[in-house]
Amino acid sequence: MTGCQAKVLVTLINRQNCCQPERLYRDLRSQGSRQLQFIPLQARDNPASITDQQWAAFLTAVFDVWVREDIGRISVQLFDSALEIWRGNPPPICAFPLPDECQACPVRYLCNSDTPQPWVEGKNALCAGYQAFFRHSAPHMRVMRDLMRYRRSPVELMALMRQSQRVN
């Protein structure tokens, strides 16, 4: 963007609002939000903190709505970052030193220990949630990457998905 600052709506995801991810996402969208960043609440001894399973469920549910309805219209920081990495670009947000356990992780290139969340037993407390999300989003990320490789818009994925639903 040139000439103006983009406004990003940062939303803290907690045990309460993570239970209805589609509704939260659509509410933010209906309020005119076009750039979103979701931050998982992770604080020791805080009952509102979310688990890795809740984080995975939240991310995958929001991604499923976004990939069907909003590619190119709504920017979700984690999805945009992942797509850039799928395209071969360096992570657009800062990375932290990787613990030994992360070196062999199959989604390391996407995560790269990229979040300053609390660490438990040498790894990110939400690691399993991120892994589940990256595995879930991989087929769609590959298609968007390939579309862009051929100078086509990732928005085309939404039409491809609609066609595929009609056939099935």
C-alpha atoms as a PDB file:
ATOM      1  CA  MET A   1       0.000   0.000   0.000  1.00  0.00           C
ATOM      2  CA  THR A   2       1.288   3.426  -0.843  1.00  0.00           C
ATOM      3  CA  GLY A   3       0.407   6.700   0.728  1.00  0.00           C
ATOM      4  CA  CYS A   4      -1.547   5.406   3.709  1.00  0.00           C
ATOM      5  CA  GLN A   5      -1.152   3.242   6.765  1.00  0.00           C
ATOM      6  CA  ALA A   6      -3.198   0.069   6.792  1.00  0.00           C
ATOM      7  CA  LYS A   7      -5.188  -0.503   9.956  1.00  0.00           C
ATOM      8  CA  VAL A   8      -4.928  -4.007  11.327  1.00  0.00           C
ATOM      9  CA  LEU A   9      -7.545  -5.195  13.758  1.00  0.00           C
ATOM     10  CA  VAL A  10      -5.774  -7.301  16.383  1.00  0.00           C
ATOM     11  CA  THR A  11      -8.069  -9.724  18.181  1.00  0.00           C
ATOM     12  CA  LEU A  12      -7.062 -11.640  21.287  1.00  0.00           C
ATOM     13  CA  ILE A  13      -8.379 -15.190  21.085  1.00  0.00           C
ATOM     14  CA  ASN A  14      -9.348 -16.621  24.455  1.00  0.00           C
ATOM     15  CA  ARG A  15     -11.236 -19.614  25.800  1.00  0.00           C
ATOM     16  CA  GLN A  16     -14.542 -17.802  25.368  1.00  0.00           C
ATOM     17  CA  ASN A  17     -14.340 -16.359  21.857  1.00  0.00           C
ATOM     18  CA  CYS A  18     -12.472 -19.328  20.356  1.00  0.00           C
ATOM     19  CA  CYS A  19     -15.616 -21.461  20.593  1.00  0.00           C
ATOM     20  CA  GLN A  20     -17.400 -19.729  17.699  1.00  0.00           C
ATOM     21  CA  PRO A  21     -14.633 -18.923  15.221  1.00  0.00           C
ATOM     22  CA  GLU A  22     -16.850 -18.551  12.149  1.00  0.00           C
ATOM     23  CA  ARG A  23     -19.173 -16.169  13.967  1.00  0.00           C
ATOM     24  CA  LEU A  24     -16.281 -14.071  15.319  1.00  0.00           C
ATOM     25  CA  TYR A  25     -14.671 -13.860  11.884  1.00  0.00           C
ATOM     26  CA  ARG A  26     -17.918 -12.908  10.156  1.00  0.00           C
ATOM     27  CA  ASP A  27     -18.681 -10.323  12.861  1.00  0.00           C
ATOM     28  CA  LEU A  28     -15.272  -8.709  12.334  1.00  0.00           C
ATOM     29  CA  ARG A  29     -15.827  -8.787   8.582  1.00  0.00           C
ATOM     30  CA  SER A  30     -19.317  -7.266   8.871  1.00  0.00           C
ATOM     31  CA  GLN A  31     -17.841  -4.386  10.889  1.00  0.00           C
ATOM     32  CA  GLY A  32     -15.690  -3.508   7.893  1.00  0.00           C
ATOM     33  CA  SER A  33     -12.433  -5.016   9.134  1.00  0.00           C
ATOM     34  CA  ARG A  34     -10.218  -5.880   6.164  1.00  0.00           C
ATOM     35  CA  GLN A  35      -6.932  -6.706   7.903  1.00  0.00           C
ATOM     36  CA  LEU A  36      -6.999  -9.102  10.815  1.00  0.00           C
ATOM     37  CA  GLN A  37      -4.475 -10.524  13.201  1.00  0.00           C
ATOM     38  CA  PHE A  38      -5.429 -13.159  15.736  1.00  0.00           C
ATOM     39  CA  ILE A  39      -3.332 -13.464  18.887  1.00  0.00           C
ATOM     40  CA  PRO A  40      -3.871 -16.526  21.083  1.00  0.00           C
ATOM     41  CA  LEU A  41      -4.097 -15.819  24.798  1.00  0.00           C
ATOM     42  CA  GLN A  42      -1.390 -17.880  26.444  1.00  0.00           C
ATOM     43  CA  ALA A  43      -0.541 -16.931  29.983  1.00  0.00           C
ATOM     44  CA  ARG A  44       0.469 -19.222  32.784  1.00  0.00           C
ATOM     45  CA  ASP A  45      -2.303 -19.810  35.301  1.00  0.00           C
ATOM     46  CA  ASN A  46      -4.834 -17.788  33.322  1.00  0.00           C
ATOM     47  CA  PRO A  47      -8.098 -19.719  32.964  1.00  0.00           C
ATOM     48  CA  ALA A  48      -8.940 -17.739  29.808  1.00  0.00           C
ATOM     49  CA  SER A  49      -5.857 -19.095  27.993  1.00  0.00           C
ATOM     50  CA  ILE A  50      -6.529 -21.422  25.096  1.00  0.00           C
ATOM     51  CA  THR A  51      -5.142 -24.886  24.470  1.00  0.00           C
ATOM     52  CA  ASP A  52      -3.316 -26.023  21.361  1.00  0.00           C
ATOM     53  CA  GLN A  53      -6.434 -27.988  20.315  1.00  0.00           C
ATOM     54  CA  GLN A  54      -8.623 -24.893  20.657  1.00  0.00           C
ATOM     55  CA  TRP A  55      -6.122 -22.828  18.693  1.00  0.00           C
ATOM     56  CA  ALA A  56      -6.033 -25.428  15.899  1.00  0.00           C
ATOM     57  CA  ALA A  57      -9.836 -25.603  15.766  1.00  0.00           C
ATOM     58  CA  PHE A  58     -10.102 -21.808  15.708  1.00  0.00           C
ATOM     59  CA  LEU A  59      -7.529 -21.326  12.953  1.00  0.00           C
ATOM     60  CA  THR A  60      -8.845 -24.103  10.724  1.00  0.00           C
ATOM     61  CA  ALA A  61     -12.454 -22.934  11.052  1.00  0.00           C
ATOM     62  CA  VAL A  62     -11.550 -19.324  10.229  1.00  0.00           C
ATOM     63  CA  PHE A  63      -9.326 -20.474   7.366  1.00  0.00           C
ATOM     64  CA  ASP A  64     -12.146 -22.569   5.910  1.00  0.00           C
ATOM     65  CA  VAL A  65     -14.441 -19.526   5.803  1.00  0.00           C
ATOM     66  CA  TRP A  66     -11.697 -17.244   4.483  1.00  0.00           C
ATOM     67  CA  VAL A  67     -10.601 -19.625   1.726  1.00  0.00           C
ATOM     68  CA  ARG A  68     -14.204 -20.046   0.494  1.00  0.00           C
ATOM     69  CA  GLU A  69     -15.348 -16.427   0.805  1.00  0.00           C
ATOM     70  CA  ASP A  70     -12.621 -13.850   1.307  1.00  0.00           C
ATOM     71  CA  ILE A  71      -9.341 -14.515  -0.513  1.00  0.00           C
ATOM     72  CA  GLY A  72      -8.175 -11.154  -1.807  1.00  0.00           C
ATOM     73  CA  ARG A  73     -10.740  -9.204   0.224  1.00  0.00           C
ATOM     74  CA  ILE A  74      -9.721  -9.886   3.823  1.00  0.00           C
ATOM     75  CA  SER A  75      -6.109 -10.090   4.924  1.00  0.00           C
ATOM     76  CA  VAL A  76      -5.437 -12.467   7.814  1.00  0.00           C
ATOM     77  CA  GLN A  77      -1.844 -12.027   8.958  1.00  0.00           C
ATOM     78  CA  LEU A  78      -1.075 -15.704   9.642  1.00  0.00           C
ATOM     79  CA  PHE A  79      -2.619 -16.855   6.348  1.00  0.00           C
ATOM     80  CA  ASP A  80      -0.784 -14.171   4.373  1.00  0.00           C
ATOM     81  CA  SER A  81       2.502 -15.040   6.090  1.00  0.00           C
ATOM     82  CA  ALA A  82       2.056 -18.748   5.394  1.00  0.00           C
ATOM     83  CA  LEU A  83       1.258 -18.099   1.724  1.00  0.00           C
ATOM     84  CA  GLU A  84       4.366 -15.943   1.347  1.00  0.00           C
ATOM     85  CA  ILE A  85       6.483 -18.764   2.757  1.00  0.00           C
ATOM     86  CA  TRP A  86       4.769 -21.277   0.438  1.00  0.00           C
ATOM     87  CA  ARG A  87       5.797 -18.961  -2.407  1.00  0.00           C
ATOM     88  CA  GLY A  88       9.436 -19.209  -1.324  1.00  0.00           C
ATOM     89  CA  ASN A  89       9.711 -15.840   0.374  1.00  0.00           C
ATOM     90  CA  PRO A  90      11.308 -15.445   3.805  1.00  0.00           C
ATOM     91  CA  PRO A  91       8.993 -15.258   6.797  1.00  0.00           C
ATOM     92  CA  PRO A  92       7.547 -11.724   6.870  1.00  0.00           C
ATOM     93  CA  ILE A  93       7.478 -11.634  10.653  1.00  0.00           C
ATOM     94  CA  CYS A  94      10.331 -12.155  13.062  1.00  0.00           C
ATOM     95  CA  ALA A  95      11.584 -15.616  13.922  1.00  0.00           C
ATOM     96  CA  PHE A  96      13.040 -16.877  17.165  1.00  0.00           C
ATOM     97  CA  PRO A  97      15.864 -19.391  17.693  1.00  0.00           C
ATOM     98  CA  LEU A  98      14.686 -22.947  17.136  1.00  0.00           C
ATOM     99  CA  PRO A  99      14.974 -25.538  19.877  1.00  0.00           C
ATOM    100  CA  ASP A 100      16.460 -28.895  18.856  1.00  0.00           C
ATOM    101  CA  GLU A 101      13.051 -30.603  18.835  1.00  0.00           C
ATOM    102  CA  CYS A 102      11.825 -28.198  16.150  1.00  0.00           C
ATOM    103  CA  GLN A 103      14.635 -28.994  13.712  1.00  0.00           C
ATOM    104  CA  ALA A 104      12.902 -32.174  12.447  1.00  0.00           C
ATOM    105  CA  CYS A 105       9.354 -30.768  12.425  1.00  0.00           C
ATOM    106  CA  PRO A 106       7.561 -31.203   9.065  1.00  0.00           C
ATOM    107  CA  VAL A 107       6.052 -27.695   9.215  1.00  0.00           C
ATOM    108  CA  ARG A 108       9.165 -25.966  10.543  1.00  0.00           C
ATOM    109  CA  TYR A 109       9.606 -23.944   7.358  1.00  0.00           C
ATOM    110  CA  LEU A 110       6.150 -22.415   7.939  1.00  0.00           C
ATOM    111  CA  CYS A 111       6.339 -21.886  11.669  1.00  0.00           C
ATOM    112  CA  ASN A 112      10.068 -21.352  12.245  1.00  0.00           C
ATOM    113  CA  SER A 113       9.241 -20.889  15.916  1.00  0.00           C
ATOM    114  CA  ASP A 114       7.660 -17.661  14.794  1.00  0.00           C
ATOM    115  CA  THR A 115       5.693 -16.727  17.843  1.00  0.00           C
ATOM    116  CA  PRO A 116       6.805 -15.503  21.250  1.00  0.00           C
ATOM    117  CA  GLN A 117       4.258 -17.647  23.085  1.00  0.00           C
ATOM    118  CA  PRO A 118       5.065 -19.423  26.339  1.00  0.00           C
ATOM    119  CA  TRP A 119       7.258 -22.438  25.887  1.00  0.00           C
ATOM    120  CA  VAL A 120       6.540 -25.706  27.641  1.00  0.00           C
ATOM    121  CA  GLU A 121       9.131 -28.465  27.777  1.00  0.00           C
ATOM    122  CA  GLY A 122      11.272 -26.810  25.106  1.00  0.00           C
ATOM    123  CA  LYS A 123       8.596 -25.993  22.544  1.00  0.00           C
ATOM    124  CA  ASN A 124       5.830 -23.511  21.864  1.00  0.00           C
ATOM    125  CA  ALA A 125       2.792 -24.280  24.025  1.00  0.00           C
ATOM    126  CA  LEU A 126       0.603 -24.053  20.907  1.00  0.00           C
ATOM    127  CA  CYS A 127       2.934 -26.082  18.678  1.00  0.00           C
ATOM    128  CA  ALA A 128       0.463 -28.915  18.023  1.00  0.00           C
ATOM    129  CA  GLY A 129      -2.206 -26.359  17.139  1.00  0.00           C
ATOM    130  CA  TYR A 130       0.034 -24.642  14.607  1.00  0.00           C
ATOM    131  CA  GLN A 131       1.039 -28.013  13.144  1.00  0.00           C
ATOM    132  CA  ALA A 132      -2.609 -29.023  12.719  1.00  0.00           C
ATOM    133  CA  PHE A 133      -3.441 -25.700  11.053  1.00  0.00           C
ATOM    134  CA  PHE A 134      -0.472 -25.823   8.663  1.00  0.00           C
ATOM    135  CA  ARG A 135      -1.326 -29.405   7.655  1.00  0.00           C
ATOM    136  CA  HIS A 136      -4.989 -28.466   7.164  1.00  0.00           C
ATOM    137  CA  SER A 137      -4.241 -25.385   5.051  1.00  0.00           C
ATOM    138  CA  ALA A 138      -1.471 -26.997   2.955  1.00  0.00           C
ATOM    139  CA  PRO A 139      -3.613 -28.188  -0.001  1.00  0.00           C
ATOM    140  CA  HIS A 140      -5.168 -24.745  -0.456  1.00  0.00           C
ATOM    141  CA  MET A 141      -1.843 -22.967   0.052  1.00  0.00           C
ATOM    142  CA  ARG A 142      -0.295 -25.135  -2.685  1.00  0.00           C
ATOM    143  CA  VAL A 143      -3.075 -24.215  -5.126  1.00  0.00           C
ATOM    144  CA  MET A 144      -2.762 -20.490  -4.341  1.00  0.00           C
ATOM    145  CA  ARG A 145       1.035 -20.689  -4.688  1.00  0.00           C
ATOM    146  CA  ASP A 146       0.694 -22.440  -8.049  1.00  0.00           C
ATOM    147  CA  LEU A 147      -1.873 -19.940  -9.308  1.00  0.00           C
ATOM    148  CA  MET A 148       0.452 -17.082  -8.383  1.00  0.00           C
ATOM    149  CA  ARG A 149       3.409 -18.851  -9.984  1.00  0.00           C
ATOM    150  CA  TYR A 150       1.518 -18.626 -13.285  1.00  0.00           C
ATOM    151  CA  ARG A 151       0.647 -14.965 -12.655  1.00  0.00           C
ATOM    152  CA  ARG A 152      -2.930 -15.796 -11.803  1.00  0.00           C
ATOM    153  CA  SER A 153      -4.842 -14.570  -8.790  1.00  0.00           C
ATOM    154  CA  PRO A 154      -5.244 -16.759  -5.699  1.00  0.00           C
ATOM    155  CA  VAL A 155      -8.849 -15.509  -5.728  1.00  0.00           C
ATOM    156  CA  GLU A 156      -9.457 -18.127  -8.438  1.00  0.00           C
ATOM    157  CA  LEU A 157      -9.298 -20.795  -5.738  1.00  0.00           C
ATOM    158  CA  MET A 158     -12.720 -19.693  -4.475  1.00  0.00           C
ATOM    159  CA  ALA A 159     -14.282 -20.362  -7.904  1.00  0.00           C
ATOM    160  CA  LEU A 160     -12.477 -23.704  -8.148  1.00  0.00           C
ATOM    161  CA  MET A 161     -13.876 -24.695  -4.757  1.00  0.00           C
ATOM    162  CA  ARG A 162     -17.419 -23.704  -5.776  1.00  0.00           C
ATOM    163  CA  GLN A 163     -17.121 -25.775  -8.961  1.00  0.00           C
ATOM    164  CA  SER A 164     -15.810 -28.738  -7.007  1.00  0.00           C
ATOM    165  CA  GLN A 165     -18.729 -28.524  -4.551  1.00  0.00           C
ATOM    166  CA  ARG A 166     -21.239 -28.566  -7.431  1.00  0.00           C
ATOM    167  CA  VAL A 167     -19.628 -31.688  -8.897  1.00  0.00           C
ATOM    168  CA  ASN A 168     -19.639 -33.511  -5.565  1.00  0.00           C
END
